[in-house]
Amino acid sequence: MGTLTVDVDESAISCPDPSVTNPLQSTGFVLQIVKFPELSFWCKNITIPTITLGEAIQETPFMAVYQPGTRPEFTTLNIQFMLDANMDNYTALNDWITLIGFAESTDDITEWKEKYPDVEIGIDPNSPRLTSDGTVIVYGAGQKPVRSISFRDMFPVSLDGFEINEENSETTYITATATFRFVGKPKIGPLLTLP
């Protein structure tokens, strides 16, 4: 019986070391919503949106052949935050979501524009813009910023209620969850070099 000999190109199957060999450590983040900078301090938990790309099915007489989809879908941006002592951050988000869905008059929109002016460059000052850009800065090891994830034209779609219980003898900090939609796709920025 003969011997089977196989020539293997080792460079083709080698597994080179990546340029970064440390995993991301979850040490923190900062959420910055342009129209609500006061929310940044109180934000305690954030869920970055999931991205899914559908698939196109091509039927054949023998089997279904799957092809890449053409339109990615993003889930919502979910944040959990503590309510400040005066409930200002909760009230601001409540006002924002009710104004979008139930403005009683143009005076409501005018008041919104005066309270939360557009600071983005190139925005029409006469436009009743009810959205805001936002950025999540992700921190890694040593509390150093790693990446930024930017969201364009964010707006709240839900604001959870919260429970108040007077029978609790321990100090309890109240939290709420807000859900945001945004336009387009989140933009993952380059490595940051913040002070």
N, C-alpha and C. Protein backbone atom coordinates (compact mmCIF):
# COMPACT_ATOMS: atom_id res chain seq x y z
N MET A 1 0.84 -1.16 0.00
CA MET A 1 0.00 0.00 0.00
C MET A 1 0.89 1.23 0.00
N GLY A 2 0.53 2.22 -0.84
CA GLY A 2 1.35 3.43 -0.93
C GLY A 2 1.05 4.40 0.22
N THR A 3 1.93 5.37 0.38
CA THR A 3 1.78 6.38 1.42
C THR A 3 1.21 7.66 0.81
N LEU A 4 0.19 8.19 1.46
CA LEU A 4 -0.43 9.43 0.99
C LEU A 4 0.35 10.61 1.54
N THR A 5 0.79 11.46 0.65
CA THR A 5 1.55 12.64 1.06
C THR A 5 0.76 13.89 0.70
N VAL A 6 0.60 14.78 1.66
CA VAL A 6 -0.14 16.02 1.42
C VAL A 6 0.78 17.19 1.74
N ASP A 7 0.95 18.06 0.75
CA ASP A 7 1.75 19.27 0.98
C ASP A 7 0.82 20.36 1.54
N VAL A 8 1.17 20.90 2.68
CA VAL A 8 0.35 21.92 3.34
C VAL A 8 1.11 23.23 3.36
N ASP A 9 0.46 24.28 2.86
CA ASP A 9 1.03 25.63 2.94
C ASP A 9 0.67 26.18 4.33
N GLU A 10 1.65 26.17 5.24
CA GLU A 10 1.37 26.57 6.62
C GLU A 10 0.92 28.01 6.74
N SER A 11 1.34 28.87 5.83
CA SER A 11 0.93 30.28 5.90
C SER A 11 -0.56 30.44 5.61
N ALA A 12 -1.13 29.48 4.89
CA ALA A 12 -2.56 29.58 4.54
C ALA A 12 -3.46 29.22 5.71
N ILE A 13 -2.94 28.43 6.65
CA ILE A 13 -3.80 28.00 7.76
C ILE A 13 -3.34 28.57 9.10
N SER A 14 -2.37 29.42 9.07
CA SER A 14 -1.90 29.99 10.33
C SER A 14 -2.92 30.96 10.89
N CYS A 15 -2.87 31.15 12.17
CA CYS A 15 -3.79 32.07 12.84
C CYS A 15 -2.95 33.19 13.46
N PRO A 16 -2.78 34.27 12.74
CA PRO A 16 -1.91 35.33 13.26
C PRO A 16 -2.52 35.99 14.50
N ASP A 17 -1.65 36.47 15.35
CA ASP A 17 -2.11 37.18 16.53
C ASP A 17 -2.76 38.49 16.12
N PRO A 18 -3.89 38.84 16.74
CA PRO A 18 -4.51 40.14 16.43
C PRO A 18 -3.68 41.28 16.98
N SER A 19 -3.94 42.47 16.46
CA SER A 19 -3.17 43.63 16.93
C SER A 19 -3.54 44.00 18.36
N VAL A 20 -4.76 43.68 18.78
CA VAL A 20 -5.19 43.93 20.17
C VAL A 20 -5.54 42.58 20.78
N THR A 21 -4.88 42.23 21.86
CA THR A 21 -5.11 40.91 22.49
C THR A 21 -5.88 41.01 23.80
N ASN A 22 -6.28 42.21 24.21
CA ASN A 22 -7.04 42.38 25.45
C ASN A 22 -8.52 42.52 25.14
N PRO A 23 -9.39 41.85 25.90
CA PRO A 23 -10.83 42.04 25.69
C PRO A 23 -11.29 43.38 26.27
N LEU A 24 -12.42 43.87 25.77
CA LEU A 24 -12.98 45.11 26.29
C LEU A 24 -13.49 44.88 27.70
N GLN A 25 -13.07 45.71 28.63
CA GLN A 25 -13.57 45.65 29.99
C GLN A 25 -14.70 46.67 30.14
N SER A 26 -15.76 46.23 30.74
CA SER A 26 -16.91 47.10 30.92
C SER A 26 -16.70 47.97 32.15
N THR A 27 -16.02 49.10 31.96
CA THR A 27 -15.74 49.96 33.10
C THR A 27 -16.61 51.21 33.12
N GLY A 28 -17.35 51.46 32.07
CA GLY A 28 -18.24 52.61 32.12
C GLY A 28 -18.53 53.20 30.76
N PHE A 29 -19.36 54.22 30.79
CA PHE A 29 -19.76 54.92 29.57
C PHE A 29 -20.29 56.28 29.97
N VAL A 30 -20.41 57.15 28.99
CA VAL A 30 -21.06 58.44 29.18
C VAL A 30 -22.04 58.62 28.02
N LEU A 31 -23.28 58.93 28.35
CA LEU A 31 -24.29 59.22 27.34
C LEU A 31 -24.46 60.73 27.26
N GLN A 32 -24.32 61.27 26.08
CA GLN A 32 -24.50 62.71 25.88
C GLN A 32 -25.62 62.93 24.86
N ILE A 33 -26.75 63.46 25.32
CA ILE A 33 -27.83 63.85 24.43
C ILE A 33 -27.79 65.36 24.35
N VAL A 34 -27.65 65.89 23.15
CA VAL A 34 -27.39 67.32 22.96
C VAL A 34 -28.39 68.18 23.72
N LYS A 35 -29.67 67.87 23.63
CA LYS A 35 -30.68 68.71 24.27
C LYS A 35 -30.89 68.39 25.74
N PHE A 36 -30.30 67.31 26.24
CA PHE A 36 -30.47 66.94 27.63
C PHE A 36 -29.15 66.58 28.28
N PRO A 37 -28.23 67.52 28.40
CA PRO A 37 -26.94 67.18 29.02
C PRO A 37 -27.08 66.76 30.48
N GLU A 38 -28.16 67.20 31.16
CA GLU A 38 -28.32 66.86 32.57
C GLU A 38 -28.60 65.38 32.78
N LEU A 39 -28.96 64.65 31.74
CA LEU A 39 -29.25 63.23 31.88
C LEU A 39 -27.98 62.40 32.00
N SER A 40 -26.86 62.92 31.50
CA SER A 40 -25.60 62.15 31.46
C SER A 40 -25.19 61.65 32.83
N PHE A 41 -25.28 62.51 33.83
CA PHE A 41 -24.82 62.15 35.18
C PHE A 41 -25.63 61.00 35.77
N TRP A 42 -26.91 60.94 35.44
CA TRP A 42 -27.82 60.00 36.09
C TRP A 42 -27.98 58.69 35.35
N CYS A 43 -27.45 58.58 34.15
CA CYS A 43 -27.61 57.37 33.34
C CYS A 43 -26.75 56.25 33.91
N LYS A 44 -27.35 55.11 34.21
CA LYS A 44 -26.65 54.02 34.88
C LYS A 44 -26.50 52.76 34.04
N ASN A 45 -27.30 52.60 33.02
CA ASN A 45 -27.26 51.38 32.22
C ASN A 45 -27.72 51.72 30.81
N ILE A 46 -27.08 51.13 29.83
CA ILE A 46 -27.44 51.41 28.45
C ILE A 46 -27.32 50.14 27.64
N THR A 47 -28.23 49.94 26.72
CA THR A 47 -28.18 48.80 25.82
C THR A 47 -28.00 49.32 24.40
N ILE A 48 -26.83 49.04 23.82
CA ILE A 48 -26.55 49.45 22.46
C ILE A 48 -27.45 48.66 21.52
N PRO A 49 -28.03 49.30 20.50
CA PRO A 49 -28.96 48.59 19.62
C PRO A 49 -28.34 47.39 18.92
N THR A 50 -29.15 46.37 18.74
CA THR A 50 -28.78 45.19 17.97
C THR A 50 -29.01 45.49 16.49
N ILE A 51 -28.13 44.99 15.64
CA ILE A 51 -28.31 45.13 14.20
C ILE A 51 -28.56 43.75 13.61
N THR A 52 -29.58 43.66 12.76
CA THR A 52 -29.86 42.41 12.06
C THR A 52 -30.00 42.71 10.58
N LEU A 53 -29.50 41.82 9.78
CA LEU A 53 -29.62 41.93 8.32
C LEU A 53 -30.45 40.76 7.85
N GLY A 54 -31.57 41.07 7.28
CA GLY A 54 -32.46 40.01 6.81
C GLY A 54 -31.81 39.19 5.72
N GLU A 55 -32.50 38.16 5.33
CA GLU A 55 -31.98 37.31 4.28
C GLU A 55 -33.03 37.13 3.19
N ALA A 56 -32.57 37.10 1.96
CA ALA A 56 -33.45 36.86 0.83
C ALA A 56 -33.41 35.36 0.52
N ILE A 57 -34.57 34.79 0.26
CA ILE A 57 -34.64 33.36 -0.03
C ILE A 57 -34.90 33.16 -1.51
N GLN A 58 -34.00 32.44 -2.13
CA GLN A 58 -34.15 32.11 -3.55
C GLN A 58 -34.57 30.65 -3.63
N GLU A 59 -35.79 30.43 -4.08
CA GLU A 59 -36.31 29.07 -4.16
C GLU A 59 -35.78 28.37 -5.42
N THR A 60 -35.42 27.13 -5.24
CA THR A 60 -35.02 26.28 -6.37
C THR A 60 -35.82 24.98 -6.27
N PRO A 61 -35.83 24.17 -7.32
CA PRO A 61 -36.56 22.89 -7.23
C PRO A 61 -36.02 21.96 -6.17
N PHE A 62 -34.78 22.16 -5.75
CA PHE A 62 -34.16 21.21 -4.82
C PHE A 62 -34.11 21.72 -3.38
N MET A 63 -33.82 23.01 -3.21
CA MET A 63 -33.68 23.56 -1.87
C MET A 63 -33.75 25.09 -1.92
N ALA A 64 -33.93 25.67 -0.77
CA ALA A 64 -33.92 27.14 -0.68
C ALA A 64 -32.48 27.60 -0.58
N VAL A 65 -32.14 28.62 -1.35
CA VAL A 65 -30.80 29.20 -1.31
C VAL A 65 -30.91 30.58 -0.65
N TYR A 66 -30.13 30.78 0.37
CA TYR A 66 -30.21 32.03 1.12
C TYR A 66 -29.17 33.03 0.60
N GLN A 67 -29.61 34.26 0.43
CA GLN A 67 -28.75 35.35 -0.02
C GLN A 67 -28.76 36.44 1.04
N PRO A 68 -27.70 37.27 1.10
CA PRO A 68 -27.71 38.37 2.08
C PRO A 68 -28.85 39.33 1.81
N GLY A 69 -29.41 39.86 2.89
CA GLY A 69 -30.47 40.85 2.76
C GLY A 69 -29.91 42.20 2.33
N THR A 70 -30.79 43.13 2.14
CA THR A 70 -30.36 44.45 1.64
C THR A 70 -30.68 45.59 2.59
N ARG A 71 -31.40 45.32 3.67
CA ARG A 71 -31.79 46.41 4.56
C ARG A 71 -31.56 46.02 6.01
N PRO A 72 -30.56 46.61 6.66
CA PRO A 72 -30.35 46.29 8.07
C PRO A 72 -31.44 46.92 8.95
N GLU A 73 -31.74 46.25 10.02
CA GLU A 73 -32.71 46.75 11.00
C GLU A 73 -32.00 46.93 12.33
N PHE A 74 -32.34 48.02 13.02
CA PHE A 74 -31.74 48.31 14.32
C PHE A 74 -32.82 48.30 15.39
N THR A 75 -32.49 47.71 16.54
CA THR A 75 -33.41 47.79 17.66
C THR A 75 -33.28 49.18 18.30
N THR A 76 -34.01 49.41 19.36
CA THR A 76 -34.00 50.71 20.02
C THR A 76 -32.78 50.87 20.93
N LEU A 77 -32.49 52.11 21.25
CA LEU A 77 -31.47 52.44 22.25
C LEU A 77 -32.20 52.55 23.58
N ASN A 78 -31.83 51.71 24.53
CA ASN A 78 -32.51 51.68 25.83
C ASN A 78 -31.57 52.17 26.91
N ILE A 79 -32.05 53.10 27.72
CA ILE A 79 -31.23 53.61 28.81
C ILE A 79 -32.01 53.49 30.13
N GLN A 80 -31.28 53.20 31.19
CA GLN A 80 -31.85 53.20 32.53
C GLN A 80 -31.15 54.30 33.31
N PHE A 81 -31.92 55.13 33.98
CA PHE A 81 -31.34 56.26 34.70
C PHE A 81 -31.99 56.40 36.06
N MET A 82 -31.24 57.00 36.97
CA MET A 82 -31.77 57.31 38.29
C MET A 82 -32.49 58.65 38.21
N LEU A 83 -33.57 58.79 38.94
CA LEU A 83 -34.27 60.06 39.00
C LEU A 83 -33.54 60.97 39.97
N ASP A 84 -33.32 62.22 39.56
CA ASP A 84 -32.69 63.16 40.48
C ASP A 84 -33.70 63.57 41.55
N ALA A 85 -33.24 64.24 42.58
CA ALA A 85 -34.07 64.54 43.76
C ALA A 85 -35.30 65.37 43.42
N ASN A 86 -35.22 66.19 42.37
CA ASN A 86 -36.37 67.02 41.98
C ASN A 86 -37.15 66.43 40.81
N MET A 87 -36.76 65.25 40.36
CA MET A 87 -37.37 64.59 39.20
C MET A 87 -37.25 65.42 37.93
N ASP A 88 -36.25 66.28 37.84
CA ASP A 88 -36.09 67.13 36.66
C ASP A 88 -35.81 66.33 35.40
N ASN A 89 -34.94 65.29 35.51
CA ASN A 89 -34.62 64.53 34.31
C ASN A 89 -35.83 63.71 33.83
N TYR A 90 -36.60 63.16 34.75
CA TYR A 90 -37.80 62.42 34.37
C TYR A 90 -38.84 63.36 33.74
N THR A 91 -39.00 64.54 34.34
CA THR A 91 -39.96 65.51 33.82
C THR A 91 -39.57 65.97 32.42
N ALA A 92 -38.27 66.19 32.19
CA ALA A 92 -37.81 66.64 30.87
C ALA A 92 -38.12 65.60 29.80
N LEU A 93 -37.86 64.33 30.10
CA LEU A 93 -38.17 63.28 29.13
C LEU A 93 -39.67 63.11 28.94
N ASN A 94 -40.43 63.23 30.04
CA ASN A 94 -41.89 63.16 29.94
C ASN A 94 -42.42 64.29 29.06
N ASP A 95 -41.90 65.50 29.25
CA ASP A 95 -42.32 66.63 28.43
C ASP A 95 -41.97 66.41 26.96
N TRP A 96 -40.80 65.85 26.72
CA TRP A 96 -40.34 65.62 25.35
C TRP A 96 -41.27 64.63 24.63
N ILE A 97 -41.56 63.51 25.27
CA ILE A 97 -42.36 62.50 24.60
C ILE A 97 -43.81 62.93 24.44
N THR A 98 -44.35 63.67 25.41
CA THR A 98 -45.74 64.13 25.27
C THR A 98 -45.85 65.25 24.25
N LEU A 99 -44.83 66.08 24.12
CA LEU A 99 -44.86 67.15 23.13
C LEU A 99 -44.87 66.58 21.71
N ILE A 100 -44.09 65.53 21.49
CA ILE A 100 -44.05 64.91 20.16
C ILE A 100 -45.43 64.36 19.79
N GLY A 101 -46.07 63.70 20.74
CA GLY A 101 -47.32 63.04 20.43
C GLY A 101 -48.57 63.84 20.75
N PHE A 102 -48.43 64.92 21.56
CA PHE A 102 -49.65 65.60 22.00
C PHE A 102 -49.38 67.06 22.30
N ALA A 103 -48.84 67.78 21.33
CA ALA A 103 -48.66 69.22 21.51
C ALA A 103 -50.03 69.87 21.46
N GLU A 104 -50.38 70.63 22.49
CA GLU A 104 -51.70 71.23 22.56
C GLU A 104 -51.81 72.49 21.72
N SER A 105 -50.67 73.14 21.48
CA SER A 105 -50.69 74.36 20.67
C SER A 105 -49.28 74.63 20.17
N THR A 106 -49.17 75.62 19.28
CA THR A 106 -47.84 76.01 18.80
C THR A 106 -47.04 76.66 19.93
N ASP A 107 -47.71 77.15 20.97
CA ASP A 107 -47.00 77.71 22.12
C ASP A 107 -46.14 76.64 22.80
N ASP A 108 -46.65 75.39 22.83
CA ASP A 108 -45.87 74.30 23.42
C ASP A 108 -44.56 74.10 22.67
N ILE A 109 -44.64 74.14 21.34
CA ILE A 109 -43.44 73.95 20.52
C ILE A 109 -42.50 75.13 20.68
N THR A 110 -43.03 76.34 20.75
CA THR A 110 -42.20 77.52 20.95
C THR A 110 -41.47 77.44 22.28
N GLU A 111 -42.18 77.01 23.32
CA GLU A 111 -41.56 76.87 24.63
C GLU A 111 -40.46 75.82 24.60
N TRP A 112 -40.71 74.73 23.89
CA TRP A 112 -39.70 73.67 23.74
C TRP A 112 -38.44 74.23 23.07
N LYS A 113 -38.64 74.99 21.99
CA LYS A 113 -37.49 75.54 21.25
C LYS A 113 -36.68 76.49 22.11
N GLU A 114 -37.36 77.24 22.98
CA GLU A 114 -36.65 78.18 23.85
C GLU A 114 -35.92 77.46 24.97
N LYS A 115 -36.53 76.39 25.48
CA LYS A 115 -35.93 75.65 26.59
C LYS A 115 -34.79 74.76 26.12
N TYR A 116 -34.95 74.18 24.94
CA TYR A 116 -33.93 73.27 24.39
C TYR A 116 -33.55 73.73 22.99
N PRO A 117 -32.77 74.80 22.89
CA PRO A 117 -32.41 75.31 21.56
C PRO A 117 -31.52 74.33 20.81
N ASP A 118 -31.62 74.40 19.49
CA ASP A 118 -30.74 73.57 18.66
C ASP A 118 -29.35 74.17 18.67
N VAL A 119 -28.39 73.33 19.03
CA VAL A 119 -27.01 73.79 19.01
C VAL A 119 -26.24 73.11 17.89
N GLU A 120 -26.91 72.19 17.17
CA GLU A 120 -26.25 71.55 16.05
C GLU A 120 -26.05 72.55 14.92
N ILE A 121 -24.95 72.44 14.24
CA ILE A 121 -24.62 73.35 13.15
C ILE A 121 -25.54 73.08 11.96
N GLY A 122 -26.02 74.16 11.35
CA GLY A 122 -26.80 74.04 10.13
C GLY A 122 -28.27 73.74 10.34
N ILE A 123 -28.75 73.83 11.56
CA ILE A 123 -30.16 73.56 11.83
C ILE A 123 -30.97 74.84 11.66
N ASP A 124 -32.09 74.74 10.98
CA ASP A 124 -32.98 75.88 10.78
C ASP A 124 -33.55 76.29 12.14
N PRO A 125 -33.28 77.53 12.61
CA PRO A 125 -33.77 77.94 13.93
C PRO A 125 -35.28 78.04 14.01
N ASN A 126 -35.98 78.11 12.86
CA ASN A 126 -37.44 78.20 12.86
C ASN A 126 -38.12 76.84 12.83
N SER A 127 -37.33 75.79 12.69
CA SER A 127 -37.89 74.45 12.60
C SER A 127 -38.24 73.93 13.99
N PRO A 128 -39.43 73.37 14.16
CA PRO A 128 -39.78 72.79 15.46
C PRO A 128 -39.16 71.41 15.62
N ARG A 129 -37.87 71.35 15.64
CA ARG A 129 -37.15 70.08 15.65
C ARG A 129 -37.30 69.41 17.00
N LEU A 130 -37.94 68.26 17.00
CA LEU A 130 -38.24 67.57 18.23
C LEU A 130 -37.34 66.35 18.43
N THR A 131 -36.21 66.35 17.76
CA THR A 131 -35.23 65.27 17.92
C THR A 131 -33.93 65.87 18.42
N SER A 132 -33.02 65.00 18.79
CA SER A 132 -31.72 65.46 19.28
C SER A 132 -30.66 64.41 18.95
N ASP A 133 -29.49 64.87 18.59
CA ASP A 133 -28.38 63.96 18.37
C ASP A 133 -27.82 63.51 19.72
N GLY A 134 -27.19 62.35 19.73
CA GLY A 134 -26.62 61.84 20.96
C GLY A 134 -25.40 60.99 20.69
N THR A 135 -24.59 60.83 21.71
CA THR A 135 -23.36 60.04 21.60
C THR A 135 -23.15 59.24 22.88
N VAL A 136 -22.71 58.00 22.70
CA VAL A 136 -22.29 57.17 23.82
C VAL A 136 -20.78 57.04 23.71
N ILE A 137 -20.07 57.40 24.78
CA ILE A 137 -18.62 57.23 24.82
C ILE A 137 -18.35 56.01 25.69
N VAL A 138 -17.72 55.00 25.11
CA VAL A 138 -17.44 53.75 25.80
C VAL A 138 -16.06 53.83 26.44
N TYR A 139 -15.99 53.48 27.72
CA TYR A 139 -14.73 53.49 28.44
C TYR A 139 -14.25 52.07 28.66
N GLY A 140 -12.94 51.88 28.53
CA GLY A 140 -12.33 50.57 28.72
C GLY A 140 -11.46 50.55 29.95
N ALA A 141 -10.43 49.72 29.91
CA ALA A 141 -9.52 49.55 31.04
C ALA A 141 -8.90 50.88 31.44
N GLY A 142 -8.77 51.07 32.75
CA GLY A 142 -8.17 52.31 33.25
C GLY A 142 -9.04 53.53 33.04
N GLN A 143 -10.34 53.33 32.83
CA GLN A 143 -11.29 54.44 32.61
C GLN A 143 -10.86 55.31 31.44
N LYS A 144 -10.33 54.69 30.40
CA LYS A 144 -9.92 55.44 29.21
C LYS A 144 -10.98 55.27 28.12
N PRO A 145 -11.34 56.37 27.45
CA PRO A 145 -12.33 56.26 26.37
C PRO A 145 -11.78 55.43 25.21
N VAL A 146 -12.63 54.57 24.69
CA VAL A 146 -12.22 53.65 23.63
C VAL A 146 -12.84 54.04 22.29
N ARG A 147 -14.15 54.15 22.27
CA ARG A 147 -14.87 54.47 21.03
C ARG A 147 -16.07 55.36 21.36
N SER A 148 -16.55 56.01 20.31
CA SER A 148 -17.80 56.75 20.45
C SER A 148 -18.82 56.13 19.50
N ILE A 149 -20.07 56.10 19.93
CA ILE A 149 -21.17 55.61 19.09
C ILE A 149 -22.18 56.74 19.02
N SER A 150 -22.38 57.28 17.81
CA SER A 150 -23.23 58.46 17.63
C SER A 150 -24.57 58.07 17.04
N PHE A 151 -25.61 58.76 17.51
CA PHE A 151 -26.97 58.53 17.05
C PHE A 151 -27.53 59.85 16.54
N ARG A 152 -28.15 59.80 15.36
CA ARG A 152 -28.68 61.03 14.75
C ARG A 152 -30.19 61.10 14.93
N ASP A 153 -30.66 62.30 15.26
CA ASP A 153 -32.10 62.57 15.38
C ASP A 153 -32.81 61.56 16.29
N MET A 154 -32.32 61.44 17.52
CA MET A 154 -32.95 60.56 18.50
C MET A 154 -34.27 61.18 18.98
N PHE A 155 -35.20 60.32 19.32
CA PHE A 155 -36.43 60.78 19.97
C PHE A 155 -36.97 59.65 20.84
N PRO A 156 -37.57 59.99 21.96
CA PRO A 156 -38.07 58.95 22.87
C PRO A 156 -39.36 58.34 22.34
N VAL A 157 -39.48 57.02 22.49
CA VAL A 157 -40.71 56.33 22.10
C VAL A 157 -41.41 55.71 23.31
N SER A 158 -40.69 55.59 24.42
CA SER A 158 -41.36 55.13 25.64
C SER A 158 -40.56 55.59 26.85
N LEU A 159 -41.28 55.82 27.92
CA LEU A 159 -40.71 56.18 29.21
C LEU A 159 -41.46 55.38 30.26
N ASP A 160 -40.76 54.44 30.88
CA ASP A 160 -41.42 53.57 31.86
C ASP A 160 -41.81 54.33 33.11
N GLY A 161 -42.88 53.88 33.72
CA GLY A 161 -43.26 54.40 35.02
C GLY A 161 -42.36 53.81 36.09
N PHE A 162 -42.58 54.20 37.33
CA PHE A 162 -41.77 53.69 38.43
C PHE A 162 -42.65 53.51 39.66
N GLU A 163 -42.18 52.66 40.55
CA GLU A 163 -42.94 52.34 41.76
C GLU A 163 -42.43 53.14 42.94
N ILE A 164 -43.36 53.67 43.73
CA ILE A 164 -43.03 54.36 44.97
C ILE A 164 -43.68 53.56 46.10
N ASN A 165 -42.85 53.14 47.05
CA ASN A 165 -43.34 52.27 48.12
C ASN A 165 -42.97 52.91 49.46
N GLU A 166 -43.96 53.36 50.22
CA GLU A 166 -43.69 54.02 51.50
C GLU A 166 -43.40 53.03 52.62
N GLU A 167 -43.61 51.73 52.39
CA GLU A 167 -43.37 50.72 53.42
C GLU A 167 -41.91 50.28 53.46
N ASN A 168 -41.13 50.67 52.48
CA ASN A 168 -39.73 50.25 52.46
C ASN A 168 -38.95 51.08 53.47
N SER A 169 -38.30 50.40 54.43
CA SER A 169 -37.58 51.10 55.49
C SER A 169 -36.17 51.50 55.06
N GLU A 170 -35.66 50.90 54.00
CA GLU A 170 -34.32 51.22 53.53
C GLU A 170 -34.39 52.31 52.46
N THR A 171 -33.29 53.02 52.33
CA THR A 171 -33.22 54.04 51.29
C THR A 171 -33.20 53.37 49.92
N THR A 172 -34.12 53.75 49.08
CA THR A 172 -34.22 53.17 47.75
C THR A 172 -34.11 54.28 46.72
N TYR A 173 -33.25 54.07 45.74
CA TYR A 173 -33.10 55.05 44.67
C TYR A 173 -33.96 54.62 43.49
N ILE A 174 -34.77 55.52 43.03
CA ILE A 174 -35.73 55.20 41.99
C ILE A 174 -35.08 55.32 40.62
N THR A 175 -35.34 54.33 39.78
CA THR A 175 -34.83 54.34 38.41
C THR A 175 -35.99 54.23 37.43
N ALA A 176 -35.74 54.66 36.23
CA ALA A 176 -36.71 54.54 35.15
C ALA A 176 -35.96 54.17 33.88
N THR A 177 -36.68 53.65 32.92
CA THR A 177 -36.09 53.25 31.64
C THR A 177 -36.74 54.04 30.52
N ALA A 178 -35.92 54.55 29.62
CA ALA A 178 -36.41 55.27 28.44
C ALA A 178 -35.90 54.56 27.20
N THR A 179 -36.74 54.54 26.18
CA THR A 179 -36.41 53.89 24.91
C THR A 179 -36.40 54.93 23.81
N PHE A 180 -35.34 54.91 22.99
CA PHE A 180 -35.19 55.90 21.93
C PHE A 180 -35.08 55.23 20.57
N ARG A 181 -35.67 55.87 19.59
CA ARG A 181 -35.43 55.54 18.19
C ARG A 181 -34.49 56.61 17.64
N PHE A 182 -33.94 56.33 16.48
CA PHE A 182 -33.00 57.26 15.86
C PHE A 182 -33.09 57.07 14.35
N VAL A 183 -32.50 57.99 13.62
CA VAL A 183 -32.54 57.95 12.15
C VAL A 183 -31.23 57.37 11.64
N GLY A 184 -31.32 56.53 10.63
CA GLY A 184 -30.11 55.97 10.03
C GLY A 184 -29.49 54.90 10.91
N LYS A 185 -28.18 54.79 10.81
CA LYS A 185 -27.47 53.77 11.58
C LYS A 185 -26.57 54.43 12.60
N PRO A 186 -26.32 53.76 13.73
CA PRO A 186 -25.35 54.30 14.68
C PRO A 186 -23.98 54.37 14.03
N LYS A 187 -23.27 55.45 14.29
CA LYS A 187 -21.95 55.63 13.71
C LYS A 187 -20.90 55.36 14.78
N ILE A 188 -20.11 54.31 14.57
CA ILE A 188 -19.06 53.97 15.52
C ILE A 188 -17.82 54.76 15.13
N GLY A 189 -17.40 55.64 16.04
CA GLY A 189 -16.29 56.52 15.76
C GLY A 189 -14.94 55.87 16.04
N PRO A 190 -13.88 56.55 15.66
CA PRO A 190 -12.53 56.02 15.86
C PRO A 190 -12.12 56.08 17.33
N LEU A 191 -10.95 55.57 17.59
CA LEU A 191 -10.40 55.66 18.93
C LEU A 191 -10.38 57.11 19.37
N LEU A 192 -10.76 57.36 20.61
CA LEU A 192 -10.83 58.72 21.12
C LEU A 192 -9.58 59.07 21.89
N THR A 193 -9.23 60.32 21.86
CA THR A 193 -8.10 60.80 22.65
C THR A 193 -8.57 61.99 23.46
N LEU A 194 -9.46 61.71 24.40
CA LEU A 194 -10.01 62.77 25.24
C LEU A 194 -9.09 62.99 26.43
N PRO A 195 -9.05 64.19 27.01
CA PRO A 195 -8.21 64.43 28.19
C PRO A 195 -8.73 63.67 29.39
